[in-house]
């Protein structure tokens, strides 16, 4: 496994790659089985698998959330090597944002709803960093989990709008045994809140309507940001203590 901390070094190496498809999995580290399922999908499809590890500051609307985001580069690299990843990109903020975030990608409709209505500037940061990473890696396929469904849809639309030559591959949400969607933020849950957390998935799956799911979650102690049905998805965000959980199910 090759690890690049220098974008210039990566670009020089990327220019030597001529044959076979390249798969890309962008992450913010704190890796778990959900991330590794994306790696597995890439390894099944592509000749070369590249993973980026970059905690993107521009998508955090709360500075405290950014500062407490879990980071363990040693564990991340060990997991990626065991998973058979070919290349890891480990750039720092100064390289990704050498323009000091003067240039950004803004979507004016769907990004203002759901999570975007509660997290000012969040999707500007997400779309901007994903575009930069896709331009750096130049993958054939890029893999994203369905847990972040709004993010997935916005990235698909961005790639289409800007004629970017990459296939966005959606991968099924990985869940704990009790149904809780795997997330790096789950480790912030205390024991009491972790015991409650699986109720989010259950409420989305078994309620007859979004309003019923919202009522169920509120009754179980969740501070609900939203539960909405859009097209064939029921999407939700809710807090337990200081931890914000998101999930969605097909309906």
C-alpha atoms as a PDB file:
ATOM      1  CA  UNK A   1       0.000   0.000   0.000  1.00  0.00           C
ATOM      2  CA  UNK A   2       1.352   3.401  -0.991  1.00  0.00           C
ATOM      3  CA  UNK A   3       0.573   6.421   1.208  1.00  0.00           C
ATOM      4  CA  UNK A   4       0.786   9.934  -0.246  1.00  0.00           C
ATOM      5  CA  UNK A   5       0.755  12.983   2.005  1.00  0.00           C
ATOM      6  CA  UNK A   6       1.872  15.239  -0.836  1.00  0.00           C
ATOM      7  CA  UNK A   7      -0.676  16.078  -3.538  1.00  0.00           C
ATOM      8  CA  UNK A   8       2.130  16.855  -5.998  1.00  0.00           C
ATOM      9  CA  UNK A   9       3.668  13.423  -5.446  1.00  0.00           C
ATOM     10  CA  UNK A  10       0.276  11.785  -5.934  1.00  0.00           C
ATOM     11  CA  UNK A  11      -0.345  13.698  -9.163  1.00  0.00           C
ATOM     12  CA  UNK A  12       3.007  12.597 -10.545  1.00  0.00           C
ATOM     13  CA  UNK A  13       2.197   8.991  -9.659  1.00  0.00           C
ATOM     14  CA  UNK A  14      -1.344   9.275 -11.061  1.00  0.00           C
ATOM     15  CA  UNK A  15       0.077  10.324 -14.414  1.00  0.00           C
ATOM     16  CA  UNK A  16       1.999   7.043 -14.629  1.00  0.00           C
ATOM     17  CA  UNK A  17      -1.187   4.949 -14.362  1.00  0.00           C
ATOM     18  CA  UNK A  18      -2.352   3.953 -17.813  1.00  0.00           C
ATOM     19  CA  UNK A  19      -4.292   0.690 -17.717  1.00  0.00           C
ATOM     20  CA  UNK A  20      -7.223  -0.658 -15.727  1.00  0.00           C
ATOM     21  CA  UNK A  21     -10.030   1.116 -13.931  1.00  0.00           C
ATOM     22  CA  UNK A  22      -9.432   3.170 -10.814  1.00  0.00           C
ATOM     23  CA  UNK A  23     -11.905   3.095  -7.923  1.00  0.00           C
ATOM     24  CA  UNK A  24     -12.036   5.824  -5.299  1.00  0.00           C
ATOM     25  CA  UNK A  25     -13.439   5.897  -1.753  1.00  0.00           C
ATOM     26  CA  UNK A  26     -13.315   9.342  -0.084  1.00  0.00           C
ATOM     27  CA  UNK A  27     -13.454   9.234   3.734  1.00  0.00           C
ATOM     28  CA  UNK A  28     -12.923  11.414   6.783  1.00  0.00           C
ATOM     29  CA  UNK A  29     -11.187   8.596   8.631  1.00  0.00           C
ATOM     30  CA  UNK A  30     -12.412   6.981  11.873  1.00  0.00           C
ATOM     31  CA  UNK A  31     -12.999   3.983   9.650  1.00  0.00           C
ATOM     32  CA  UNK A  32     -15.511   1.216  10.320  1.00  0.00           C
ATOM     33  CA  UNK A  33     -17.096  -1.683   8.424  1.00  0.00           C
ATOM     34  CA  UNK A  34     -19.251   0.718   6.434  1.00  0.00           C
ATOM     35  CA  UNK A  35     -16.189   2.331   4.892  1.00  0.00           C
ATOM     36  CA  UNK A  36     -14.582  -1.050   4.328  1.00  0.00           C
ATOM     37  CA  UNK A  37     -17.671  -2.248   2.449  1.00  0.00           C
ATOM     38  CA  UNK A  38     -17.030   0.570  -0.047  1.00  0.00           C
ATOM     39  CA  UNK A  39     -13.425  -0.550  -0.357  1.00  0.00           C
ATOM     40  CA  UNK A  40     -14.613  -4.104  -0.983  1.00  0.00           C
ATOM     41  CA  UNK A  41     -16.966  -2.922  -3.728  1.00  0.00           C
ATOM     42  CA  UNK A  42     -14.123  -1.057  -5.410  1.00  0.00           C
ATOM     43  CA  UNK A  43     -11.757  -4.002  -5.194  1.00  0.00           C
ATOM     44  CA  UNK A  44     -14.356  -6.227  -6.832  1.00  0.00           C
ATOM     45  CA  UNK A  45     -14.874  -3.757  -9.670  1.00  0.00           C
ATOM     46  CA  UNK A  46     -11.588  -1.951 -10.235  1.00  0.00           C
ATOM     47  CA  UNK A  47      -7.944  -2.737 -10.946  1.00  0.00           C
ATOM     48  CA  UNK A  48      -6.735  -0.110  -8.450  1.00  0.00           C
ATOM     49  CA  UNK A  49      -8.419   1.167  -5.282  1.00  0.00           C
ATOM     50  CA  UNK A  50      -7.600   4.596  -3.834  1.00  0.00           C
ATOM     51  CA  UNK A  51      -8.881   5.849  -0.468  1.00  0.00           C
ATOM     52  CA  UNK A  52      -8.570   9.403   0.807  1.00  0.00           C
ATOM     53  CA  UNK A  53      -8.514  10.279   4.498  1.00  0.00           C
ATOM     54  CA  UNK A  54      -9.264  13.952   5.082  1.00  0.00           C
ATOM     55  CA  UNK A  55     -11.373  15.505   7.840  1.00  0.00           C
ATOM     56  CA  UNK A  56     -12.943  18.295   5.833  1.00  0.00           C
ATOM     57  CA  UNK A  57     -13.312  21.439   7.944  1.00  0.00           C
ATOM     58  CA  UNK A  58     -15.591  23.294   5.533  1.00  0.00           C
ATOM     59  CA  UNK A  59     -18.533  20.930   5.981  1.00  0.00           C
ATOM     60  CA  UNK A  60     -18.767  21.467   9.745  1.00  0.00           C
ATOM     61  CA  UNK A  61     -21.247  24.156  10.758  1.00  0.00           C
ATOM     62  CA  UNK A  62     -20.195  23.698  14.390  1.00  0.00           C
ATOM     63  CA  UNK A  63     -16.520  24.242  15.253  1.00  0.00           C
ATOM     64  CA  UNK A  64     -16.858  22.027  18.337  1.00  0.00           C
ATOM     65  CA  UNK A  65     -18.162  19.181  16.168  1.00  0.00           C
ATOM     66  CA  UNK A  66     -15.096  19.499  13.943  1.00  0.00           C
ATOM     67  CA  UNK A  67     -12.727  19.516  16.903  1.00  0.00           C
ATOM     68  CA  UNK A  68     -14.284  16.431  18.497  1.00  0.00           C
ATOM     69  CA  UNK A  69     -14.528  14.421  15.270  1.00  0.00           C
ATOM     70  CA  UNK A  70     -12.727  11.126  15.972  1.00  0.00           C
ATOM     71  CA  UNK A  71      -9.311  10.700  14.371  1.00  0.00           C
ATOM     72  CA  UNK A  72      -6.978   7.701  14.531  1.00  0.00           C
ATOM     73  CA  UNK A  73      -4.709   7.636  11.510  1.00  0.00           C
ATOM     74  CA  UNK A  74      -2.763   4.618  12.749  1.00  0.00           C
ATOM     75  CA  UNK A  75      -5.885   2.482  12.991  1.00  0.00           C
ATOM     76  CA  UNK A  76      -7.179   3.804   9.661  1.00  0.00           C
ATOM     77  CA  UNK A  77      -3.996   2.893   7.811  1.00  0.00           C
ATOM     78  CA  UNK A  78      -3.869  -0.549   9.398  1.00  0.00           C
ATOM     79  CA  UNK A  79      -7.466  -1.282   8.388  1.00  0.00           C
ATOM     80  CA  UNK A  80      -6.895  -0.062   4.844  1.00  0.00           C
ATOM     81  CA  UNK A  81      -3.768  -2.161   4.425  1.00  0.00           C
ATOM     82  CA  UNK A  82      -5.581  -5.247   5.717  1.00  0.00           C
ATOM     83  CA  UNK A  83      -8.400  -4.516   3.271  1.00  0.00           C
ATOM     84  CA  UNK A  84      -5.960  -4.538   0.354  1.00  0.00           C
ATOM     85  CA  UNK A  85      -6.142  -0.865  -0.574  1.00  0.00           C
ATOM     86  CA  UNK A  86      -3.540   0.127  -3.161  1.00  0.00           C
ATOM     87  CA  UNK A  87      -3.164   3.830  -2.430  1.00  0.00           C
ATOM     88  CA  UNK A  88      -4.080   6.146   0.445  1.00  0.00           C
ATOM     89  CA  UNK A  89      -4.188   9.916   0.050  1.00  0.00           C
ATOM     90  CA  UNK A  90      -3.539  11.721   3.341  1.00  0.00           C
ATOM     91  CA  UNK A  91      -3.433  15.422   2.372  1.00  0.00           C
ATOM     92  CA  UNK A  92      -3.540  18.280   4.845  1.00  0.00           C
ATOM     93  CA  UNK A  93      -5.867  21.264   4.867  1.00  0.00           C
ATOM     94  CA  UNK A  94      -3.323  23.650   3.361  1.00  0.00           C
ATOM     95  CA  UNK A  95      -3.008  21.494   0.253  1.00  0.00           C
ATOM     96  CA  UNK A  96      -6.726  20.879  -0.289  1.00  0.00           C
ATOM     97  CA  UNK A  97      -7.616  24.508   0.376  1.00  0.00           C
ATOM     98  CA  UNK A  98      -4.601  26.361  -0.960  1.00  0.00           C
ATOM     99  CA  UNK A  99      -7.098  29.037  -2.122  1.00  0.00           C
ATOM    100  CA  UNK A 100      -8.325  29.385   1.493  1.00  0.00           C
ATOM    101  CA  UNK A 101     -11.785  28.231   0.338  1.00  0.00           C
ATOM    102  CA  UNK A 102     -12.309  31.224  -1.962  1.00  0.00           C
ATOM    103  CA  UNK A 103     -13.821  28.934  -4.581  1.00  0.00           C
ATOM    104  CA  UNK A 104     -16.676  26.646  -3.653  1.00  0.00           C
ATOM    105  CA  UNK A 105     -19.517  24.613  -5.150  1.00  0.00           C
ATOM    106  CA  UNK A 106     -23.012  25.708  -4.153  1.00  0.00           C
ATOM    107  CA  UNK A 107     -26.258  23.935  -5.004  1.00  0.00           C
ATOM    108  CA  UNK A 108     -29.339  26.119  -4.657  1.00  0.00           C
ATOM    109  CA  UNK A 109     -32.301  23.746  -4.209  1.00  0.00           C
ATOM    110  CA  UNK A 110     -32.033  20.280  -2.654  1.00  0.00           C
ATOM    111  CA  UNK A 111     -29.068  21.267  -0.469  1.00  0.00           C
ATOM    112  CA  UNK A 112     -31.291  23.792   1.349  1.00  0.00           C
ATOM    113  CA  UNK A 113     -33.643  21.056   2.569  1.00  0.00           C
ATOM    114  CA  UNK A 114     -33.344  18.233   5.113  1.00  0.00           C
ATOM    115  CA  UNK A 115     -29.813  18.346   6.600  1.00  0.00           C
ATOM    116  CA  UNK A 116     -29.065  21.540   4.712  1.00  0.00           C
ATOM    117  CA  UNK A 117     -31.886  23.369   6.482  1.00  0.00           C
ATOM    118  CA  UNK A 118     -30.253  22.601   9.834  1.00  0.00           C
ATOM    119  CA  UNK A 119     -26.547  22.856   8.919  1.00  0.00           C
ATOM    120  CA  UNK A 120     -25.667  26.130   7.243  1.00  0.00           C
ATOM    121  CA  UNK A 121     -22.977  25.739   4.586  1.00  0.00           C
ATOM    122  CA  UNK A 122     -22.634  21.999   5.146  1.00  0.00           C
ATOM    123  CA  UNK A 123     -23.268  20.883   1.594  1.00  0.00           C
ATOM    124  CA  UNK A 124     -21.154  23.685   0.110  1.00  0.00           C
ATOM    125  CA  UNK A 125     -18.259  22.123   2.009  1.00  0.00           C
ATOM    126  CA  UNK A 126     -19.172  18.567   1.012  1.00  0.00           C
ATOM    127  CA  UNK A 127     -19.591  19.292  -2.694  1.00  0.00           C
ATOM    128  CA  UNK A 128     -16.487  21.465  -2.840  1.00  0.00           C
ATOM    129  CA  UNK A 129     -14.186  18.904  -1.255  1.00  0.00           C
ATOM    130  CA  UNK A 130     -15.657  16.026  -3.277  1.00  0.00           C
ATOM    131  CA  UNK A 131     -15.140  17.934  -6.522  1.00  0.00           C
ATOM    132  CA  UNK A 132     -11.545  18.713  -5.557  1.00  0.00           C
ATOM    133  CA  UNK A 133     -10.850  15.101  -4.629  1.00  0.00           C
ATOM    134  CA  UNK A 134     -12.478  13.743  -7.790  1.00  0.00           C
ATOM    135  CA  UNK A 135     -10.357  16.117  -9.875  1.00  0.00           C
ATOM    136  CA  UNK A 136      -7.228  14.986  -8.034  1.00  0.00           C
ATOM    137  CA  UNK A 137      -7.880  11.263  -8.206  1.00  0.00           C
ATOM    138  CA  UNK A 138      -9.571  11.137 -11.640  1.00  0.00           C
ATOM    139  CA  UNK A 139     -11.294   7.830 -10.855  1.00  0.00           C
ATOM    140  CA  UNK A 140     -13.461   5.766 -13.146  1.00  0.00           C
ATOM    141  CA  UNK A 141     -15.734   4.835 -10.245  1.00  0.00           C
ATOM    142  CA  UNK A 142     -16.310   6.586  -6.895  1.00  0.00           C
ATOM    143  CA  UNK A 143     -18.107   4.805  -4.063  1.00  0.00           C
ATOM    144  CA  UNK A 144     -20.506   6.385  -1.564  1.00  0.00           C
ATOM    145  CA  UNK A 145     -22.789   4.866   1.058  1.00  0.00           C
ATOM    146  CA  UNK A 146     -26.556   5.248   0.979  1.00  0.00           C
ATOM    147  CA  UNK A 147     -26.647   6.246   4.670  1.00  0.00           C
ATOM    148  CA  UNK A 148     -25.784   9.795   3.600  1.00  0.00           C
ATOM    149  CA  UNK A 149     -28.533   9.690   0.996  1.00  0.00           C
ATOM    150  CA  UNK A 150     -28.956  13.427   0.483  1.00  0.00           C
ATOM    151  CA  UNK A 151     -25.201  13.765   0.056  1.00  0.00           C
ATOM    152  CA  UNK A 152     -25.202  10.894  -2.439  1.00  0.00           C
ATOM    153  CA  UNK A 153     -27.923  12.509  -4.548  1.00  0.00           C
ATOM    154  CA  UNK A 154     -26.217  15.903  -4.533  1.00  0.00           C
ATOM    155  CA  UNK A 155     -22.896  14.383  -5.594  1.00  0.00           C
ATOM    156  CA  UNK A 156     -24.603  12.494  -8.408  1.00  0.00           C
ATOM    157  CA  UNK A 157     -26.252  15.699  -9.596  1.00  0.00           C
ATOM    158  CA  UNK A 158     -23.013  17.701  -9.338  1.00  0.00           C
ATOM    159  CA  UNK A 159     -21.106  15.142 -11.397  1.00  0.00           C
ATOM    160  CA  UNK A 160     -23.826  15.236 -14.041  1.00  0.00           C
ATOM    161  CA  UNK A 161     -24.101  19.039 -14.066  1.00  0.00           C
ATOM    162  CA  UNK A 162     -20.356  19.554 -14.528  1.00  0.00           C
ATOM    163  CA  UNK A 163     -19.893  16.715 -17.064  1.00  0.00           C
ATOM    164  CA  UNK A 164     -17.387  14.968 -14.806  1.00  0.00           C
ATOM    165  CA  UNK A 165     -16.224  11.627 -16.260  1.00  0.00           C
ATOM    166  CA  UNK A 166     -16.810   9.476 -13.186  1.00  0.00           C
ATOM    167  CA  UNK A 167     -19.414   6.865 -12.305  1.00  0.00           C
ATOM    168  CA  UNK A 168     -20.930   7.371  -8.835  1.00  0.00           C
ATOM    169  CA  UNK A 169     -21.618   3.975  -7.256  1.00  0.00           C
ATOM    170  CA  UNK A 170     -24.127   3.787  -4.400  1.00  0.00           C
ATOM    171  CA  UNK A 171     -23.496   1.106  -1.774  1.00  0.00           C
ATOM    172  CA  UNK A 172     -25.976  -0.268   0.742  1.00  0.00           C
ATOM    173  CA  UNK A 173     -25.949   1.094   4.299  1.00  0.00           C
ATOM    174  CA  UNK A 174     -24.056  -1.137   6.690  1.00  0.00           C
ATOM    175  CA  UNK A 175     -25.760  -1.662  10.051  1.00  0.00           C
ATOM    176  CA  UNK A 176     -24.984  -2.923  13.512  1.00  0.00           C
ATOM    177  CA  UNK A 177     -26.786  -6.063  14.712  1.00  0.00           C
ATOM    178  CA  UNK A 178     -29.621  -3.965  16.181  1.00  0.00           C
ATOM    179  CA  UNK A 179     -30.111  -1.957  12.984  1.00  0.00           C
ATOM    180  CA  UNK A 180     -28.207   1.221  13.837  1.00  0.00           C
ATOM    181  CA  UNK A 181     -26.507   2.594  10.729  1.00  0.00           C
ATOM    182  CA  UNK A 182     -22.730   2.443  11.101  1.00  0.00           C
ATOM    183  CA  UNK A 183     -21.195   5.874  11.589  1.00  0.00           C
ATOM    184  CA  UNK A 184     -17.966   7.286  12.963  1.00  0.00           C
ATOM    185  CA  UNK A 185     -20.064   9.489  15.243  1.00  0.00           C
ATOM    186  CA  UNK A 186     -21.648   6.480  16.968  1.00  0.00           C
ATOM    187  CA  UNK A 187     -18.633   6.283  19.245  1.00  0.00           C
ATOM    188  CA  UNK A 188     -19.751   9.564  20.833  1.00  0.00           C
ATOM    189  CA  UNK A 189     -22.929   7.901  22.153  1.00  0.00           C
ATOM    190  CA  UNK A 190     -22.918   7.067  25.844  1.00  0.00           C
ATOM    191  CA  UNK A 191     -24.251   3.672  26.933  1.00  0.00           C
ATOM    192  CA  UNK A 192     -27.786   4.941  27.559  1.00  0.00           C
ATOM    193  CA  UNK A 193     -28.059   6.733  24.231  1.00  0.00           C
ATOM    194  CA  UNK A 194     -26.476   3.827  22.346  1.00  0.00           C
ATOM    195  CA  UNK A 195     -29.212   1.558  23.696  1.00  0.00           C
ATOM    196  CA  UNK A 196     -31.835   3.977  22.331  1.00  0.00           C
ATOM    197  CA  UNK A 197     -30.154   4.673  19.005  1.00  0.00           C
ATOM    198  CA  UNK A 198     -31.468   1.659  17.078  1.00  0.00           C
ATOM    199  CA  UNK A 199     -34.987   3.040  17.503  1.00  0.00           C
ATOM    200  CA  UNK A 200     -34.211   5.494  14.681  1.00  0.00           C
ATOM    201  CA  UNK A 201     -34.017   2.761  12.061  1.00  0.00           C
ATOM    202  CA  UNK A 202     -36.989   0.892  13.537  1.00  0.00           C
ATOM    203  CA  UNK A 203     -39.189   3.983  13.510  1.00  0.00           C
ATOM    204  CA  UNK A 204     -38.336   4.795   9.891  1.00  0.00           C
ATOM    205  CA  UNK A 205     -38.899   1.224   8.773  1.00  0.00           C
ATOM    206  CA  UNK A 206     -42.092   0.363  10.635  1.00  0.00           C
ATOM    207  CA  UNK A 207     -44.038   3.635  10.834  1.00  0.00           C
ATOM    208  CA  UNK A 208     -46.915   4.189   8.442  1.00  0.00           C
ATOM    209  CA  UNK A 209     -45.924   7.784   7.733  1.00  0.00           C
ATOM    210  CA  UNK A 210     -43.170  10.319   8.344  1.00  0.00           C
ATOM    211  CA  UNK A 211     -45.346  12.055  10.931  1.00  0.00           C
ATOM    212  CA  UNK A 212     -45.817   8.796  12.826  1.00  0.00           C
ATOM    213  CA  UNK A 213     -42.086   8.101  12.765  1.00  0.00           C
ATOM    214  CA  UNK A 214     -41.358  11.597  14.086  1.00  0.00           C
ATOM    215  CA  UNK A 215     -43.847  11.141  16.920  1.00  0.00           C
ATOM    216  CA  UNK A 216     -42.366   7.758  17.799  1.00  0.00           C
ATOM    217  CA  UNK A 217     -38.836   9.142  17.946  1.00  0.00           C
ATOM    218  CA  UNK A 218     -39.850  12.132  20.048  1.00  0.00           C
ATOM    219  CA  UNK A 219     -41.550   9.768  22.461  1.00  0.00           C
ATOM    220  CA  UNK A 220     -38.319   7.793  22.831  1.00  0.00           C
ATOM    221  CA  UNK A 221     -36.267  10.847  23.755  1.00  0.00           C
ATOM    222  CA  UNK A 222     -34.855  11.883  20.368  1.00  0.00           C
ATOM    223  CA  UNK A 223     -34.554  15.566  19.499  1.00  0.00           C
ATOM    224  CA  UNK A 224     -35.823  15.328  15.917  1.00  0.00           C
ATOM    225  CA  UNK A 225     -34.503  17.669  13.208  1.00  0.00           C
ATOM    226  CA  UNK A 226     -36.671  16.186  10.481  1.00  0.00           C
ATOM    227  CA  UNK A 227     -38.421  13.080   9.173  1.00  0.00           C
ATOM    228  CA  UNK A 228     -39.568  13.400   5.582  1.00  0.00           C
ATOM    229  CA  UNK A 229     -40.713  11.162   2.755  1.00  0.00           C
ATOM    230  CA  UNK A 230     -39.150  12.120  -0.584  1.00  0.00           C
ATOM    231  CA  UNK A 231     -39.780   9.976  -3.653  1.00  0.00           C
ATOM    232  CA  UNK A 232     -39.197   6.402  -2.449  1.00  0.00           C
ATOM    233  CA  UNK A 233     -37.151   7.301   0.651  1.00  0.00           C
ATOM    234  CA  UNK A 234     -37.949   8.163   4.246  1.00  0.00           C
ATOM    235  CA  UNK A 235     -35.099  10.286   5.564  1.00  0.00           C
ATOM    236  CA  UNK A 236     -34.429  11.497   9.090  1.00  0.00           C
ATOM    237  CA  UNK A 237     -31.981  13.284  11.338  1.00  0.00           C
ATOM    238  CA  UNK A 238     -32.279  13.279  15.112  1.00  0.00           C
ATOM    239  CA  UNK A 239     -30.079  13.879  18.132  1.00  0.00           C
ATOM    240  CA  UNK A 240     -29.361  11.869  21.217  1.00  0.00           C
ATOM    241  CA  UNK A 241     -27.477  14.091  23.609  1.00  0.00           C
ATOM    242  CA  UNK A 242     -24.856  15.919  21.542  1.00  0.00           C
ATOM    243  CA  UNK A 243     -24.704  13.235  18.826  1.00  0.00           C
ATOM    244  CA  UNK A 244     -26.578  13.788  15.571  1.00  0.00           C
ATOM    245  CA  UNK A 245     -27.712  10.630  13.802  1.00  0.00           C
ATOM    246  CA  UNK A 246     -29.016  10.349  10.239  1.00  0.00           C
ATOM    247  CA  UNK A 247     -30.629   7.440   8.459  1.00  0.00           C
ATOM    248  CA  UNK A 248     -33.005   6.600   5.630  1.00  0.00           C
ATOM    249  CA  UNK A 249     -34.987   3.634   4.369  1.00  0.00           C
ATOM    250  CA  UNK A 250     -36.637   2.756   1.110  1.00  0.00           C
ATOM    251  CA  UNK A 251     -40.444   2.996   1.190  1.00  0.00           C
END
